[in-house]
Protein backbone atom coordinates (compact mmCIF):
# COMPACT_ATOMS: atom_id res chain seq x y z
CA UNK A 1 117.69 95.71 86.40
CA UNK A 2 118.71 95.71 90.02
CA UNK A 3 122.17 94.52 89.14
CA UNK A 4 122.61 96.61 86.18
CA UNK A 5 121.69 99.83 88.00
CA UNK A 6 123.80 99.10 90.96
CA UNK A 7 126.78 98.26 88.86
CA UNK A 8 126.55 101.64 87.11
CA UNK A 9 126.04 103.30 90.52
CA UNK A 10 129.19 101.74 91.99
CA UNK A 11 131.23 102.77 88.99
CA UNK A 12 129.91 106.29 89.23
CA UNK A 13 130.55 106.61 92.94
CA UNK A 14 134.10 105.19 92.86
CA UNK A 15 134.81 107.55 89.92
CA UNK A 16 133.81 110.56 91.90
CA UNK A 17 135.58 109.36 95.08
CA UNK A 18 138.86 109.32 93.07
CA UNK A 19 138.20 112.88 91.82
CA UNK A 20 137.07 114.28 95.14
CA UNK A 21 140.08 112.76 97.00
CA UNK A 22 142.41 114.45 94.51
CA UNK A 23 143.87 111.08 93.50
CA UNK A 24 143.27 111.90 89.81
CA UNK A 25 143.46 115.68 89.48
CA UNK A 26 143.46 115.71 85.64
CA UNK A 27 140.32 115.28 83.53
CA UNK A 28 141.77 115.94 80.24
CA UNK A 29 140.05 112.98 78.49
CA UNK A 30 136.61 113.49 80.16
CA UNK A 31 133.77 115.03 78.20
CA UNK A 32 131.86 117.50 80.27
CA UNK A 33 129.13 117.55 77.65
CA UNK A 34 128.49 113.94 77.98
CA UNK A 35 128.29 114.31 81.73
CA UNK A 36 125.81 117.18 81.29
CA UNK A 37 123.60 114.98 79.07
CA UNK A 38 123.65 112.21 81.69
CA UNK A 39 122.55 114.76 84.41
CA UNK A 40 119.69 115.78 82.06
CA UNK A 41 118.85 112.16 81.63
CA UNK A 42 118.39 111.42 85.26
CA UNK A 43 116.65 114.70 85.99
CA UNK A 44 114.05 114.09 83.28
CA UNK A 45 113.72 110.37 84.25
CA UNK A 46 113.08 110.79 87.98
CA UNK A 47 110.60 113.59 88.10
CA UNK A 48 108.21 111.12 89.30
CA UNK A 49 109.92 111.79 92.71
CA UNK A 50 107.46 114.64 92.97
CA UNK A 51 104.38 112.67 92.16
CA UNK A 52 104.76 109.09 93.66
CA UNK A 53 106.44 107.14 96.37
CA UNK A 54 107.43 103.53 95.80
CA UNK A 55 109.83 102.85 98.54
CA UNK A 56 112.67 104.48 100.56
CA UNK A 57 115.22 102.43 98.58
CA UNK A 58 113.69 103.51 95.26
CA UNK A 59 113.68 107.21 96.22
CA UNK A 60 117.16 107.04 97.64
CA UNK A 61 118.70 105.37 94.57
CA UNK A 62 117.06 108.06 92.30
CA UNK A 63 118.35 110.87 94.46
CA UNK A 64 121.86 109.33 94.56
CA UNK A 65 121.88 109.01 90.67
CA UNK A 66 120.96 112.70 90.32
CA UNK A 67 123.35 113.93 92.87
CA UNK A 68 126.25 111.79 91.35
CA UNK A 69 125.39 113.28 87.96
CA UNK A 70 125.60 116.91 89.01
CA UNK A 71 128.62 116.27 91.27
CA UNK A 72 130.48 115.08 88.16
CA UNK A 73 129.41 118.25 86.22
CA UNK A 74 130.60 120.43 89.20
CA UNK A 75 133.99 118.62 89.36
CA UNK A 76 134.59 119.10 85.66
CA UNK A 77 133.48 122.67 85.11
CA UNK A 78 134.46 124.02 88.64
CA UNK A 79 136.94 122.12 90.75
CA UNK A 80 139.16 120.74 87.96
CA UNK A 81 138.36 123.33 85.41
CA UNK A 82 142.03 123.91 84.77
CA UNK A 83 142.58 120.46 83.46
CA UNK A 84 139.34 120.12 81.49
CA UNK A 85 139.99 119.91 77.73
CA UNK A 86 137.26 122.05 76.40
CA UNK A 87 139.15 122.56 73.18
CA UNK A 88 138.45 118.96 72.17
CA UNK A 89 135.08 118.64 73.93
CA UNK A 90 133.19 120.24 70.86
CA UNK A 91 130.32 117.90 70.01
CA UNK A 92 127.15 119.86 69.16
CA UNK A 93 124.87 118.38 71.75
CA UNK A 94 121.89 120.25 70.24
CA UNK A 95 122.09 117.69 67.30
CA UNK A 96 121.24 115.06 69.95
CA UNK A 97 118.79 116.98 72.23
CA UNK A 98 116.52 118.48 69.48
CA UNK A 99 116.02 115.16 67.51
CA UNK A 100 115.55 113.11 70.74
CA UNK A 101 113.07 115.61 72.06
CA UNK A 102 111.10 115.42 68.82
CA UNK A 103 111.11 111.60 68.72
CA UNK A 104 109.97 111.44 72.44
CA UNK A 105 106.92 113.44 71.44
CA UNK A 106 106.15 111.08 68.47
CA UNK A 107 106.96 107.70 69.97
CA UNK A 108 105.96 107.13 73.47
CA UNK A 109 103.76 104.96 75.68
CA UNK A 110 101.46 107.73 76.78
CA UNK A 111 101.11 111.40 75.68
CA UNK A 112 101.49 112.80 79.10
CA UNK A 113 104.19 115.27 80.31
CA UNK A 114 106.01 112.77 82.75
CA UNK A 115 105.80 109.92 80.24
CA UNK A 116 107.20 112.09 77.44
CA UNK A 117 110.06 113.24 79.73
CA UNK A 118 110.68 109.64 80.74
CA UNK A 119 110.85 108.53 77.10
CA UNK A 120 113.13 111.55 76.37
CA UNK A 121 115.55 110.29 79.03
CA UNK A 122 115.64 106.71 77.56
CA UNK A 123 116.39 108.07 74.08
CA UNK A 124 118.85 110.60 75.35
CA UNK A 125 120.78 108.12 77.45
CA UNK A 126 121.30 105.94 74.46
CA UNK A 127 123.34 108.64 72.69
CA UNK A 128 124.71 110.64 75.70
CA UNK A 129 127.97 108.97 75.35
CA UNK A 130 128.64 110.27 71.86
CA UNK A 131 130.38 113.48 72.96
CA UNK A 132 132.87 111.43 74.99
CA UNK A 133 133.46 109.07 72.07
CA UNK A 134 133.85 112.03 69.78
CA UNK A 135 136.28 113.61 72.21
CA UNK A 136 138.38 110.40 72.27
CA UNK A 137 138.47 110.32 68.52
CA UNK A 138 139.74 113.90 68.42
CA UNK A 139 142.47 113.44 70.98
CA UNK A 140 143.24 109.92 69.92
CA UNK A 141 143.69 108.64 73.37
CA UNK A 142 142.10 108.41 76.89
CA UNK A 143 143.48 108.01 80.46
CA UNK A 144 143.26 104.47 81.86
CA UNK A 145 141.02 105.30 84.67
CA UNK A 146 138.65 107.05 82.10
CA UNK A 147 138.45 103.90 80.04
CA UNK A 148 137.60 101.82 83.14
CA UNK A 149 134.70 104.25 83.86
CA UNK A 150 133.33 104.13 80.42
CA UNK A 151 133.70 100.39 80.26
CA UNK A 152 131.48 99.98 83.22
CA UNK A 153 129.02 102.55 81.98
CA UNK A 154 128.73 100.43 78.71
CA UNK A 155 128.61 97.17 80.68
CA UNK A 156 125.60 98.39 82.70
CA UNK A 157 123.64 99.10 79.49
CA UNK A 158 124.60 95.70 78.11
CA UNK A 159 123.36 94.16 81.44
CA UNK A 160 120.11 95.95 80.88
CA UNK A 161 119.70 94.02 77.66
CA UNK A 162 120.18 90.79 79.53
CA UNK A 163 117.61 92.00 82.00
CA UNK A 164 115.04 92.70 79.21
CA UNK A 165 115.48 89.20 77.75
CA UNK A 166 115.07 87.68 81.29
CA UNK A 167 111.85 89.63 81.91
CA UNK A 168 110.50 88.76 78.47
CA UNK A 169 110.95 84.99 78.97
CA UNK A 170 110.06 84.75 82.67
CA UNK A 171 107.53 87.63 83.09
CA UNK A 172 106.20 88.18 79.60
CA UNK A 173 107.29 91.84 79.88
CA UNK A 174 108.50 93.68 76.78
CA UNK A 175 109.25 97.44 76.46
CA UNK A 176 110.16 98.20 72.81
CA UNK A 177 111.34 101.68 73.58
CA UNK A 178 113.83 100.67 76.28
CA UNK A 179 115.08 97.56 74.32
CA UNK A 180 115.77 99.56 71.11
CA UNK A 181 117.39 102.43 73.05
CA UNK A 182 119.55 99.84 74.85
CA UNK A 183 120.61 98.17 71.59
CA UNK A 184 121.60 101.61 70.12
CA UNK A 185 123.74 102.45 73.07
CA UNK A 186 125.42 99.06 73.18
CA UNK A 187 126.23 99.25 69.53
CA UNK A 188 127.83 102.58 70.06
CA UNK A 189 130.09 101.22 72.57
CA UNK A 190 131.26 98.10 70.44
CA UNK A 191 134.41 99.77 69.11
CA UNK A 192 135.40 101.11 72.52
CA UNK A 193 134.70 97.60 74.07
CA UNK A 194 137.11 96.10 71.43
CA UNK A 195 139.88 98.64 72.15
CA UNK A 196 139.40 98.13 75.89
CA UNK A 197 139.70 94.37 75.78
CA UNK A 198 142.64 94.41 73.26
CA UNK A 199 144.70 97.31 74.85
CA UNK A 200 143.53 98.40 78.34
CA UNK A 201 143.09 94.90 79.78
CA UNK A 202 146.74 94.14 78.55
CA UNK A 203 148.12 97.08 80.37
CA UNK A 204 148.36 99.46 77.39
CA UNK A 205 146.95 103.03 77.20
CA UNK A 206 143.94 103.40 74.92
CA UNK A 207 144.97 105.05 71.85
CA UNK A 208 143.46 105.21 68.46
CA UNK A 209 145.25 104.33 65.20
CA UNK A 210 146.71 107.34 63.51
């Protein structure tokens, strides 16, 4: 979990550094809707910041995740709004939020507000990438730096699966909700992983067959 979380965080921070420094002033292939969903994911997951304190490191990491998520949303919708391709970023996110919200009320570990919101964040994260994948399918291509970013986001979820397996065998710990959500998200990335390996890693731009 430690390595998976930090791999995602490094990818997220590097991504924003590039945007903030103006090294990549075009965000045509980035889905603002996916980034809004990720911001909602971390906001609802880390509400325990107001109720409990584990360690300075734990609190700092949670705050960094939330800050990075909203920084991305700001960059897309404000700083680089002129290059944001809203015409292709048309996925109906309510078709994700409403079912996920209902499922989090029905299937959770404990019927309490914080636990339901935590469960909501786990379910939502598993499908938050769909607007991005939908946007790529509509445009037929994506910038190389975007594909690198998406690859590391997918890799971090795959590493979480490895972490769950490790904890099950060595600690006897098993969280069915997190494991199922992780499997769903990894499956959603499979086609993208294939294109990434067969095209991007060979120096080609990611483009979908016509």
